[in-house]
Amino acid sequence: MEKKSLDDVFELMGTENPVEVIPNSRDNARVDWRTTREIAENLGVSKYKVLKWVRSGVFQAGVHYRNISFDKNRPTYRFDLEKIDQLFEG
Protein backbone atom coordinates (compact mmCIF):
# COMPACT_ATOMS: atom_id res chain seq x y z
CA MET A 1 0.00 0.00 0.00
CA GLU A 2 1.30 3.42 -0.92
CA LYS A 3 1.89 5.72 2.05
CA LYS A 4 0.41 9.19 1.88
CA SER A 5 1.00 12.34 3.84
CA LEU A 6 -1.81 13.72 5.97
CA ASP A 7 -2.29 16.52 3.42
CA ASP A 8 -2.79 13.89 0.70
CA VAL A 9 -5.37 12.08 2.83
CA PHE A 10 -7.34 15.28 3.46
CA GLU A 11 -7.30 16.02 -0.26
CA LEU A 12 -8.61 12.53 -1.07
CA MET A 13 -11.40 12.88 1.51
CA GLY A 14 -13.06 15.48 -0.74
CA THR A 15 -13.22 13.09 -3.70
CA GLU A 16 -15.08 9.93 -4.58
CA ASN A 17 -11.95 7.87 -3.92
CA PRO A 18 -12.02 5.60 -0.86
CA VAL A 19 -9.62 6.47 1.93
CA GLU A 20 -8.46 3.94 4.51
CA VAL A 21 -6.60 5.26 7.53
CA ILE A 22 -5.12 2.80 10.00
CA PRO A 23 -3.08 4.10 12.92
CA ASN A 24 0.59 3.26 12.78
CA SER A 25 1.71 1.84 16.12
CA ARG A 26 3.62 -1.15 17.40
CA ASP A 27 0.38 -2.83 18.50
CA ASN A 28 -1.17 -2.49 15.04
CA ALA A 29 1.89 -4.02 13.40
CA ARG A 30 0.76 -7.45 14.59
CA VAL A 31 -2.91 -7.04 13.61
CA ASP A 32 -4.11 -8.88 10.52
CA TRP A 33 -6.97 -6.55 9.54
CA ARG A 34 -9.62 -8.16 7.33
CA THR A 35 -12.77 -6.99 5.55
CA THR A 36 -16.29 -8.10 6.49
CA ARG A 37 -16.37 -10.45 3.52
CA GLU A 38 -13.01 -12.02 4.43
CA ILE A 39 -14.11 -12.62 8.03
CA ALA A 40 -17.39 -14.14 6.83
CA GLU A 41 -15.51 -16.51 4.53
CA ASN A 42 -13.07 -17.40 7.32
CA LEU A 43 -15.94 -18.24 9.69
CA GLY A 44 -18.10 -19.95 7.03
CA VAL A 45 -21.04 -17.55 7.46
CA SER A 46 -22.59 -14.75 5.42
CA LYS A 47 -21.37 -11.16 5.68
CA TYR A 48 -24.85 -10.32 6.98
CA LYS A 49 -24.30 -12.67 9.92
CA VAL A 50 -21.01 -10.91 10.70
CA LEU A 51 -22.78 -7.53 10.64
CA LYS A 52 -25.51 -8.93 12.91
CA TRP A 53 -22.80 -9.97 15.39
CA VAL A 54 -21.39 -6.42 15.26
CA ARG A 55 -24.83 -4.89 16.00
CA SER A 56 -25.66 -7.40 18.75
CA GLY A 57 -22.35 -6.95 20.57
CA VAL A 58 -20.79 -10.36 19.90
CA PHE A 59 -17.86 -8.45 18.42
CA GLN A 60 -16.57 -5.58 20.54
CA ALA A 61 -15.53 -2.28 18.96
CA GLY A 62 -11.84 -1.61 19.49
CA VAL A 63 -11.20 -5.27 20.26
CA HIS A 64 -12.58 -7.35 17.40
CA TYR A 65 -13.23 -4.61 14.85
CA ARG A 66 -12.86 -0.95 13.96
CA ASN A 67 -15.06 1.32 11.88
CA ILE A 68 -12.70 3.04 9.46
CA SER A 69 -15.42 5.08 7.72
CA PHE A 70 -15.85 8.82 8.02
CA ASP A 71 -19.57 8.37 7.26
CA LYS A 72 -21.45 7.13 10.34
CA ASN A 73 -24.44 6.16 8.16
CA ARG A 74 -22.36 3.71 6.12
CA PRO A 75 -19.78 2.06 8.36
CA THR A 76 -16.78 0.29 6.88
CA TYR A 77 -15.37 -2.30 9.23
CA ARG A 78 -11.98 -3.91 9.54
CA PHE A 79 -11.72 -6.98 11.74
CA ASP A 80 -8.85 -8.37 13.79
CA LEU A 81 -8.61 -11.94 12.52
CA GLU A 82 -6.59 -13.17 15.51
CA LYS A 83 -9.03 -11.77 18.10
CA ILE A 84 -12.04 -13.20 16.27
CA ASP A 85 -10.40 -16.61 15.99
CA GLN A 86 -9.70 -16.48 19.75
CA LEU A 87 -13.35 -15.57 20.43
CA PHE A 88 -14.63 -18.63 18.62
CA GLU A 89 -11.99 -21.01 20.01
CA GLY A 90 -12.97 -20.35 23.62
PDB file of N, CA and C in Angstrom:
ATOM      1  N   MET A   1       0.847  -1.166   0.000  1.00  0.00           N
ATOM      2  CA  MET A   1       0.000   0.000   0.000  1.00  0.00           C
ATOM      3  C   MET A   1       0.899   1.238   0.000  1.00  0.00           C
ATOM      4  N   GLU A   2       0.529   2.183  -0.830  1.00  0.00           N
ATOM      5  CA  GLU A   2       1.297   3.424  -0.917  1.00  0.00           C
ATOM      6  C   GLU A   2       1.008   4.302   0.289  1.00  0.00           C
ATOM      7  N   LYS A   3       2.065   4.827   0.909  1.00  0.00           N
ATOM      8  CA  LYS A   3       1.894   5.721   2.050  1.00  0.00           C
ATOM      9  C   LYS A   3       1.638   7.126   1.548  1.00  0.00           C
ATOM     10  N   LYS A   4       0.773   7.830   2.253  1.00  0.00           N
ATOM     11  CA  LYS A   4       0.408   9.190   1.884  1.00  0.00           C
ATOM     12  C   LYS A   4       0.630  10.100   3.073  1.00  0.00           C
ATOM     13  N   SER A   5       0.900  11.360   2.771  1.00  0.00           N
ATOM     14  CA  SER A   5       0.998  12.341   3.842  1.00  0.00           C
ATOM     15  C   SER A   5      -0.409  12.699   4.300  1.00  0.00           C
ATOM     16  N   LEU A   6      -0.508  13.321   5.448  1.00  0.00           N
ATOM     17  CA  LEU A   6      -1.810  13.725   5.969  1.00  0.00           C
ATOM     18  C   LEU A   6      -2.490  14.706   5.022  1.00  0.00           C
ATOM     19  N   ASP A   7      -1.725  15.591   4.396  1.00  0.00           N
ATOM     20  CA  ASP A   7      -2.294  16.524   3.416  1.00  0.00           C
ATOM     21  C   ASP A   7      -2.914  15.763   2.243  1.00  0.00           C
ATOM     22  N   ASP A   8      -2.247  14.697   1.788  1.00  0.00           N
ATOM     23  CA  ASP A   8      -2.789  13.887   0.699  1.00  0.00           C
ATOM     24  C   ASP A   8      -4.095  13.220   1.110  1.00  0.00           C
ATOM     25  N   VAL A   9      -4.161  12.729   2.335  1.00  0.00           N
ATOM     26  CA  VAL A   9      -5.371  12.080   2.834  1.00  0.00           C
ATOM     27  C   VAL A   9      -6.524  13.074   2.882  1.00  0.00           C
ATOM     28  N   PHE A  10      -6.284  14.275   3.399  1.00  0.00           N
ATOM     29  CA  PHE A  10      -7.343  15.281   3.458  1.00  0.00           C
ATOM     30  C   PHE A  10      -7.832  15.659   2.059  1.00  0.00           C
ATOM     31  N   GLU A  11      -6.916  15.715   1.112  1.00  0.00           N
ATOM     32  CA  GLU A  11      -7.302  16.024  -0.263  1.00  0.00           C
ATOM     33  C   GLU A  11      -8.178  14.920  -0.844  1.00  0.00           C
ATOM     34  N   LEU A  12      -7.824  13.664  -0.583  1.00  0.00           N
ATOM     35  CA  LEU A  12      -8.609  12.535  -1.070  1.00  0.00           C
ATOM     36  C   LEU A  12      -9.995  12.459  -0.430  1.00  0.00           C
ATOM     37  N   MET A  13     -10.111  12.942   0.805  1.00  0.00           N
ATOM     38  CA  MET A  13     -11.399  12.880   1.506  1.00  0.00           C
ATOM     39  C   MET A  13     -12.466  13.685   0.783  1.00  0.00           C
ATOM     40  N   GLY A  14     -12.087  14.675  -0.009  1.00  0.00           N
ATOM     41  CA  GLY A  14     -13.056  15.482  -0.740  1.00  0.00           C
ATOM     42  C   GLY A  14     -13.411  14.913  -2.096  1.00  0.00           C
ATOM     43  N   THR A  15     -12.955  13.705  -2.401  1.00  0.00           N
ATOM     44  CA  THR A  15     -13.216  13.087  -3.700  1.00  0.00           C
ATOM     45  C   THR A  15     -14.070  11.842  -3.513  1.00  0.00           C
ATOM     46  N   GLU A  16     -14.329  11.187  -4.613  1.00  0.00           N
ATOM     47  CA  GLU A  16     -15.084   9.929  -4.579  1.00  0.00           C
ATOM     48  C   GLU A  16     -14.192   8.739  -4.260  1.00  0.00           C
ATOM     49  N   ASN A  17     -12.892   8.964  -4.176  1.00  0.00           N
ATOM     50  CA  ASN A  17     -11.949   7.874  -3.922  1.00  0.00           C
ATOM     51  C   ASN A  17     -12.023   7.408  -2.473  1.00  0.00           C
ATOM     52  N   PRO A  18     -12.013   6.093  -2.246  1.00  0.00           N
ATOM     53  CA  PRO A  18     -12.022   5.600  -0.861  1.00  0.00           C
ATOM     54  C   PRO A  18     -10.698   5.913  -0.168  1.00  0.00           C
ATOM     55  N   VAL A  19     -10.801   6.178   1.124  1.00  0.00           N
ATOM     56  CA  VAL A  19      -9.625   6.470   1.928  1.00  0.00           C
ATOM     57  C   VAL A  19      -9.646   5.545   3.130  1.00  0.00           C
ATOM     58  N   GLU A  20      -8.567   4.815   3.346  1.00  0.00           N
ATOM     59  CA  GLU A  20      -8.459   3.939   4.509  1.00  0.00           C
ATOM     60  C   GLU A  20      -7.309   4.438   5.357  1.00  0.00           C
ATOM     61  N   VAL A  21      -7.615   4.763   6.613  1.00  0.00           N
ATOM     62  CA  VAL A  21      -6.604   5.263   7.529  1.00  0.00           C
ATOM     63  C   VAL A  21      -6.517   4.296   8.696  1.00  0.00           C
ATOM     64  N   ILE A  22      -5.349   3.718   8.889  1.00  0.00           N
ATOM     65  CA  ILE A  22      -5.122   2.795   9.995  1.00  0.00           C
ATOM     66  C   ILE A  22      -3.962   3.347  10.801  1.00  0.00           C
ATOM     67  N   PRO A  23      -4.157   3.553  12.101  1.00  0.00           N
ATOM     68  CA  PRO A  23      -3.076   4.102  12.921  1.00  0.00           C
ATOM     69  C   PRO A  23      -1.813   3.268  12.822  1.00  0.00           C
ATOM     70  N   ASN A  24      -0.689   3.933  12.857  1.00  0.00           N
ATOM     71  CA  ASN A  24       0.592   3.257  12.781  1.00  0.00           C
ATOM     72  C   ASN A  24       1.187   3.191  14.184  1.00  0.00           C
ATOM     73  N   SER A  25       1.137   2.026  14.782  1.00  0.00           N
ATOM     74  CA  SER A  25       1.708   1.839  16.117  1.00  0.00           C
ATOM     75  C   SER A  25       2.285   0.438  16.204  1.00  0.00           C
ATOM     76  N   ARG A  26       3.037   0.186  17.228  1.00  0.00           N
ATOM     77  CA  ARG A  26       3.618  -1.148  17.400  1.00  0.00           C
ATOM     78  C   ARG A  26       2.539  -2.207  17.553  1.00  0.00           C
ATOM     79  N   ASP A  27       1.457  -1.868  18.274  1.00  0.00           N
ATOM     80  CA  ASP A  27       0.384  -2.826  18.495  1.00  0.00           C
ATOM     81  C   ASP A  27      -0.293  -3.194  17.183  1.00  0.00           C
ATOM     82  N   ASN A  28      -0.504  -2.217  16.309  1.00  0.00           N
ATOM     83  CA  ASN A  28      -1.173  -2.486  15.042  1.00  0.00           C
ATOM     84  C   ASN A  28      -0.298  -3.264  14.067  1.00  0.00           C
ATOM     85  N   ALA A  29       1.000  -3.298  14.305  1.00  0.00           N
ATOM     86  CA  ALA A  29       1.892  -4.016  13.404  1.00  0.00           C
ATOM     87  C   ALA A  29       1.579  -5.508  13.412  1.00  0.00           C
ATOM     88  N   ARG A  30       1.064  -6.026  14.495  1.00  0.00           N
ATOM     89  CA  ARG A  30       0.763  -7.449  14.587  1.00  0.00           C
ATOM     90  C   ARG A  30      -0.668  -7.780  14.147  1.00  0.00           C
ATOM     91  N   VAL A  31      -1.511  -6.789  13.925  1.00  0.00           N
ATOM     92  CA  VAL A  31      -2.911  -7.037  13.605  1.00  0.00           C
ATOM     93  C   VAL A  31      -3.067  -7.384  12.126  1.00  0.00           C
ATOM     94  N   ASP A  32      -3.793  -8.455  11.878  1.00  0.00           N
ATOM     95  CA  ASP A  32      -4.113  -8.877  10.518  1.00  0.00           C
ATOM     96  C   ASP A  32      -5.530  -8.395  10.219  1.00  0.00           C
ATOM     97  N   TRP A  33      -5.654  -7.140   9.778  1.00  0.00           N
ATOM     98  CA  TRP A  33      -6.975  -6.547   9.541  1.00  0.00           C
ATOM     99  C   TRP A  33      -7.608  -7.143   8.295  1.00  0.00           C
ATOM    100  N   ARG A  34      -8.884  -7.531   8.428  1.00  0.00           N
ATOM    101  CA  ARG A  34      -9.618  -8.157   7.330  1.00  0.00           C
ATOM    102  C   ARG A  34     -10.952  -7.455   7.106  1.00  0.00           C
ATOM    103  N   THR A  35     -11.474  -7.577   5.896  1.00  0.00           N
ATOM    104  CA  THR A  35     -12.771  -6.993   5.554  1.00  0.00           C
ATOM    105  C   THR A  35     -13.903  -7.869   6.101  1.00  0.00           C
ATOM    106  N   THR A  36     -15.112  -7.338   6.051  1.00  0.00           N
ATOM    107  CA  THR A  36     -16.292  -8.098   6.486  1.00  0.00           C
ATOM    108  C   THR A  36     -16.419  -9.383   5.681  1.00  0.00           C
ATOM    109  N   ARG A  37     -16.250  -9.274   4.384  1.00  0.00           N
ATOM    110  CA  ARG A  37     -16.368 -10.455   3.520  1.00  0.00           C
ATOM    111  C   ARG A  37     -15.305 -11.503   3.858  1.00  0.00           C
ATOM    112  N   GLU A  38     -14.078 -11.073   4.098  1.00  0.00           N
ATOM    113  CA  GLU A  38     -13.007 -12.015   4.429  1.00  0.00           C
ATOM    114  C   GLU A  38     -13.279 -12.728   5.748  1.00  0.00           C
ATOM    115  N   ILE A  39     -13.786 -12.000   6.738  1.00  0.00           N
ATOM    116  CA  ILE A  39     -14.114 -12.620   8.028  1.00  0.00           C
ATOM    117  C   ILE A  39     -15.249 -13.617   7.860  1.00  0.00           C
ATOM    118  N   ALA A  40     -16.259 -13.238   7.073  1.00  0.00           N
ATOM    119  CA  ALA A  40     -17.390 -14.142   6.829  1.00  0.00           C
ATOM    120  C   ALA A  40     -16.907 -15.443   6.191  1.00  0.00           C
ATOM    121  N   GLU A  41     -16.039 -15.320   5.187  1.00  0.00           N
ATOM    122  CA  GLU A  41     -15.505 -16.512   4.528  1.00  0.00           C
ATOM    123  C   GLU A  41     -14.684 -17.356   5.497  1.00  0.00           C
ATOM    124  N   ASN A  42     -13.895 -16.692   6.341  1.00  0.00           N
ATOM    125  CA  ASN A  42     -13.070 -17.402   7.317  1.00  0.00           C
ATOM    126  C   ASN A  42     -13.931 -18.184   8.305  1.00  0.00           C
ATOM    127  N   LEU A  43     -15.066 -17.608   8.704  1.00  0.00           N
ATOM    128  CA  LEU A  43     -15.944 -18.239   9.687  1.00  0.00           C
ATOM    129  C   LEU A  43     -16.981 -19.164   9.041  1.00  0.00           C
ATOM    130  N   GLY A  44     -17.118 -19.109   7.721  1.00  0.00           N
ATOM    131  CA  GLY A  44     -18.095 -19.952   7.032  1.00  0.00           C
ATOM    132  C   GLY A  44     -19.523 -19.470   7.212  1.00  0.00           C
ATOM    133  N   VAL A  45     -19.704 -18.139   7.324  1.00  0.00           N
ATOM    134  CA  VAL A  45     -21.037 -17.545   7.462  1.00  0.00           C
ATOM    135  C   VAL A  45     -21.183 -16.430   6.430  1.00  0.00           C
ATOM    136  N   SER A  46     -22.372 -15.856   6.346  1.00  0.00           N
ATOM    137  CA  SER A  46     -22.589 -14.745   5.422  1.00  0.00           C
ATOM    138  C   SER A  46     -22.067 -13.447   6.022  1.00  0.00           C
ATOM    139  N   LYS A  47     -21.815 -12.466   5.166  1.00  0.00           N
ATOM    140  CA  LYS A  47     -21.371 -11.165   5.676  1.00  0.00           C
ATOM    141  C   LYS A  47     -22.477 -10.510   6.503  1.00  0.00           C
ATOM    142  N   TYR A  48     -23.736 -10.866   6.214  1.00  0.00           N
ATOM    143  CA  TYR A  48     -24.853 -10.317   6.985  1.00  0.00           C
ATOM    144  C   TYR A  48     -24.855 -10.851   8.420  1.00  0.00           C
ATOM    145  N   LYS A  49     -24.424 -12.087   8.577  1.00  0.00           N
ATOM    146  CA  LYS A  49     -24.301 -12.675   9.921  1.00  0.00           C
ATOM    147  C   LYS A  49     -23.207 -11.955  10.699  1.00  0.00           C
ATOM    148  N   VAL A  50     -22.093 -11.650  10.051  1.00  0.00           N
ATOM    149  CA  VAL A  50     -21.006 -10.913  10.700  1.00  0.00           C
ATOM    150  C   VAL A  50     -21.508  -9.543  11.153  1.00  0.00           C
ATOM    151  N   LEU A  51     -22.246  -8.854  10.279  1.00  0.00           N
ATOM    152  CA  LEU A  51     -22.783  -7.531  10.636  1.00  0.00           C
ATOM    153  C   LEU A  51     -23.805  -7.634  11.767  1.00  0.00           C
ATOM    154  N   LYS A  52     -24.565  -8.709  11.804  1.00  0.00           N
ATOM    155  CA  LYS A  52     -25.512  -8.931  12.908  1.00  0.00           C
ATOM    156  C   LYS A  52     -24.750  -9.088  14.221  1.00  0.00           C
ATOM    157  N   TRP A  53     -23.623  -9.796  14.185  1.00  0.00           N
ATOM    158  CA  TRP A  53     -22.803  -9.968  15.392  1.00  0.00           C
ATOM    159  C   TRP A  53     -22.211  -8.636  15.846  1.00  0.00           C
ATOM    160  N   VAL A  54     -21.884  -7.769  14.903  1.00  0.00           N
ATOM    161  CA  VAL A  54     -21.393  -6.424  15.260  1.00  0.00           C
ATOM    162  C   VAL A  54     -22.500  -5.657  15.994  1.00  0.00           C
ATOM    163  N   ARG A  55     -23.699  -5.644  15.412  1.00  0.00           N
ATOM    164  CA  ARG A  55     -24.826  -4.894  16.000  1.00  0.00           C
ATOM    165  C   ARG A  55     -25.266  -5.459  17.350  1.00  0.00           C
ATOM    166  N   SER A  56     -25.172  -6.775  17.512  1.00  0.00           N
ATOM    167  CA  SER A  56     -25.656  -7.402  18.747  1.00  0.00           C
ATOM    168  C   SER A  56     -24.612  -7.407  19.865  1.00  0.00           C
ATOM    169  N   GLY A  57     -23.369  -7.018  19.546  1.00  0.00           N
ATOM    170  CA  GLY A  57     -22.349  -6.950  20.574  1.00  0.00           C
ATOM    171  C   GLY A  57     -21.482  -8.194  20.729  1.00  0.00           C
ATOM    172  N   VAL A  58     -21.667  -9.184  19.855  1.00  0.00           N
ATOM    173  CA  VAL A  58     -20.793 -10.360  19.903  1.00  0.00           C
ATOM    174  C   VAL A  58     -19.353  -9.930  19.666  1.00  0.00           C
ATOM    175  N   PHE A  59     -19.162  -9.046  18.668  1.00  0.00           N
ATOM    176  CA  PHE A  59     -17.856  -8.454  18.420  1.00  0.00           C
ATOM    177  C   PHE A  59     -17.800  -7.106  19.101  1.00  0.00           C
ATOM    178  N   GLN A  60     -16.721  -6.829  19.803  1.00  0.00           N
ATOM    179  CA  GLN A  60     -16.571  -5.575  20.541  1.00  0.00           C
ATOM    180  C   GLN A  60     -15.735  -4.584  19.739  1.00  0.00           C
ATOM    181  N   ALA A  61     -16.263  -3.351  19.645  1.00  0.00           N
ATOM    182  CA  ALA A  61     -15.531  -2.284  18.957  1.00  0.00           C
ATOM    183  C   ALA A  61     -14.218  -2.031  19.675  1.00  0.00           C
ATOM    184  N   GLY A  62     -13.159  -1.856  18.907  1.00  0.00           N
ATOM    185  CA  GLY A  62     -11.843  -1.614  19.488  1.00  0.00           C
ATOM    186  C   GLY A  62     -11.107  -2.876  19.878  1.00  0.00           C
ATOM    187  N   VAL A  63     -11.828  -3.990  19.945  1.00  0.00           N
ATOM    188  CA  VAL A  63     -11.200  -5.274  20.264  1.00  0.00           C
ATOM    189  C   VAL A  63     -11.223  -6.167  19.030  1.00  0.00           C
ATOM    190  N   HIS A  64     -12.420  -6.452  18.536  1.00  0.00           N
ATOM    191  CA  HIS A  64     -12.580  -7.347  17.400  1.00  0.00           C
ATOM    192  C   HIS A  64     -12.664  -6.607  16.067  1.00  0.00           C
ATOM    193  N   TYR A  65     -13.076  -5.355  16.101  1.00  0.00           N
ATOM    194  CA  TYR A  65     -13.230  -4.612  14.850  1.00  0.00           C
ATOM    195  C   TYR A  65     -13.054  -3.117  15.079  1.00  0.00           C
ATOM    196  N   ARG A  66     -12.891  -2.409  13.971  1.00  0.00           N
ATOM    197  CA  ARG A  66     -12.857  -0.950  13.956  1.00  0.00           C
ATOM    198  C   ARG A  66     -13.697  -0.469  12.792  1.00  0.00           C
ATOM    199  N   ASN A  67     -14.341   0.660  12.973  1.00  0.00           N
ATOM    200  CA  ASN A  67     -15.055   1.319  11.880  1.00  0.00           C
ATOM    201  C   ASN A  67     -14.094   2.346  11.304  1.00  0.00           C
ATOM    202  N   ILE A  68     -13.677   2.148  10.070  1.00  0.00           N
ATOM    203  CA  ILE A  68     -12.700   3.045   9.462  1.00  0.00           C
ATOM    204  C   ILE A  68     -13.362   4.090   8.568  1.00  0.00           C
ATOM    205  N   SER A  69     -14.688   4.149   8.574  1.00  0.00           N
ATOM    206  CA  SER A  69     -15.417   5.083   7.721  1.00  0.00           C
ATOM    207  C   SER A  69     -15.560   6.447   8.376  1.00  0.00           C
ATOM    208  N   PHE A  70     -15.568   7.477   7.538  1.00  0.00           N
ATOM    209  CA  PHE A  70     -15.854   8.823   8.016  1.00  0.00           C
ATOM    210  C   PHE A  70     -17.351   9.091   8.009  1.00  0.00           C
ATOM    211  N   ASP A  71     -18.128   8.209   7.381  1.00  0.00           N
ATOM    212  CA  ASP A  71     -19.572   8.365   7.256  1.00  0.00           C
ATOM    213  C   ASP A  71     -20.252   7.422   8.239  1.00  0.00           C
ATOM    214  N   LYS A  72     -20.833   7.970   9.303  1.00  0.00           N
ATOM    215  CA  LYS A  72     -21.449   7.125  10.335  1.00  0.00           C
ATOM    216  C   LYS A  72     -22.674   6.371   9.822  1.00  0.00           C
ATOM    217  N   ASN A  73     -23.280   6.840   8.717  1.00  0.00           N
ATOM    218  CA  ASN A  73     -24.445   6.162   8.162  1.00  0.00           C
ATOM    219  C   ASN A  73     -24.076   4.921   7.356  1.00  0.00           C
ATOM    220  N   ARG A  74     -22.826   4.856   6.902  1.00  0.00           N
ATOM    221  CA  ARG A  74     -22.355   3.710   6.125  1.00  0.00           C
ATOM    222  C   ARG A  74     -21.022   3.242   6.671  1.00  0.00           C
ATOM    223  N   PRO A  75     -21.041   2.486   7.756  1.00  0.00           N
ATOM    224  CA  PRO A  75     -19.776   2.056   8.361  1.00  0.00           C
ATOM    225  C   PRO A  75     -18.998   1.115   7.454  1.00  0.00           C
ATOM    226  N   THR A  76     -17.696   1.203   7.562  1.00  0.00           N
ATOM    227  CA  THR A  76     -16.782   0.290   6.876  1.00  0.00           C
ATOM    228  C   THR A  76     -15.920  -0.337   7.966  1.00  0.00           C
ATOM    229  N   TYR A  77     -16.059  -1.625   8.137  1.00  0.00           N
ATOM    230  CA  TYR A  77     -15.373  -2.298   9.228  1.00  0.00           C
ATOM    231  C   TYR A  77     -14.106  -2.993   8.766  1.00  0.00           C
ATOM    232  N   ARG A  78     -13.156  -3.065   9.679  1.00  0.00           N
ATOM    233  CA  ARG A  78     -11.976  -3.911   9.537  1.00  0.00           C
ATOM    234  C   ARG A  78     -11.901  -4.734  10.814  1.00  0.00           C
ATOM    235  N   PHE A  79     -11.675  -6.033  10.639  1.00  0.00           N
ATOM    236  CA  PHE A  79     -11.724  -6.975  11.742  1.00  0.00           C
ATOM    237  C   PHE A  79     -10.345  -7.540  12.042  1.00  0.00           C
ATOM    238  N   ASP A  80     -10.096  -7.772  13.320  1.00  0.00           N
ATOM    239  CA  ASP A  80      -8.847  -8.372  13.792  1.00  0.00           C
ATOM    240  C   ASP A  80      -9.030  -9.884  13.738  1.00  0.00           C
ATOM    241  N   LEU A  81      -8.435 -10.505  12.735  1.00  0.00           N
ATOM    242  CA  LEU A  81      -8.607 -11.943  12.517  1.00  0.00           C
ATOM    243  C   LEU A  81      -8.196 -12.762  13.727  1.00  0.00           C
ATOM    244  N   GLU A  82      -7.083 -12.421  14.352  1.00  0.00           N
ATOM    245  CA  GLU A  82      -6.594 -13.174  15.513  1.00  0.00           C
ATOM    246  C   GLU A  82      -7.580 -13.115  16.683  1.00  0.00           C
ATOM    247  N   LYS A  83      -8.085 -11.923  16.981  1.00  0.00           N
ATOM    248  CA  LYS A  83      -9.029 -11.768  18.104  1.00  0.00           C
ATOM    249  C   LYS A  83     -10.338 -12.507  17.837  1.00  0.00           C
ATOM    250  N   ILE A  84     -10.793 -12.491  16.599  1.00  0.00           N
ATOM    251  CA  ILE A  84     -12.036 -13.197  16.266  1.00  0.00           C
ATOM    252  C   ILE A  84     -11.821 -14.697  16.351  1.00  0.00           C
ATOM    253  N   ASP A  85     -10.696 -15.180  15.862  1.00  0.00           N
ATOM    254  CA  ASP A  85     -10.401 -16.614  15.987  1.00  0.00           C
ATOM    255  C   ASP A  85     -10.349 -17.027  17.458  1.00  0.00           C
ATOM    256  N   GLN A  86      -9.757 -16.191  18.311  1.00  0.00           N
ATOM    257  CA  GLN A  86      -9.698 -16.478  19.751  1.00  0.00           C
ATOM    258  C   GLN A  86     -11.100 -16.521  20.359  1.00  0.00           C
ATOM    259  N   LEU A  87     -11.963 -15.622  19.927  1.00  0.00           N
ATOM    260  CA  LEU A  87     -13.347 -15.569  20.432  1.00  0.00           C
ATOM    261  C   LEU A  87     -14.081 -16.880  20.173  1.00  0.00           C
ATOM    262  N   PHE A  88     -13.901 -17.424  18.980  1.00  0.00           N
ATOM    263  CA  PHE A  88     -14.630 -18.631  18.620  1.00  0.00           C
ATOM    264  C   PHE A  88     -13.928 -19.914  19.063  1.00  0.00           C
ATOM    265  N   GLU A  89     -12.684 -19.828  19.461  1.00  0.00           N
ATOM    266  CA  GLU A  89     -11.986 -21.006  20.010  1.00  0.00           C
ATOM    267  C   GLU A  89     -12.415 -21.288  21.444  1.00  0.00           C
ATOM    268  N   GLY A  90     -12.685 -20.208  22.204  1.00  0.00           N
ATOM    269  CA  GLY A  90     -12.966 -20.352  23.622  1.00  0.00           C
ATOM    270  C   GLY A  90     -14.358 -20.570  23.933  1.00  0.00           C
TER     271      GLY A  90
END
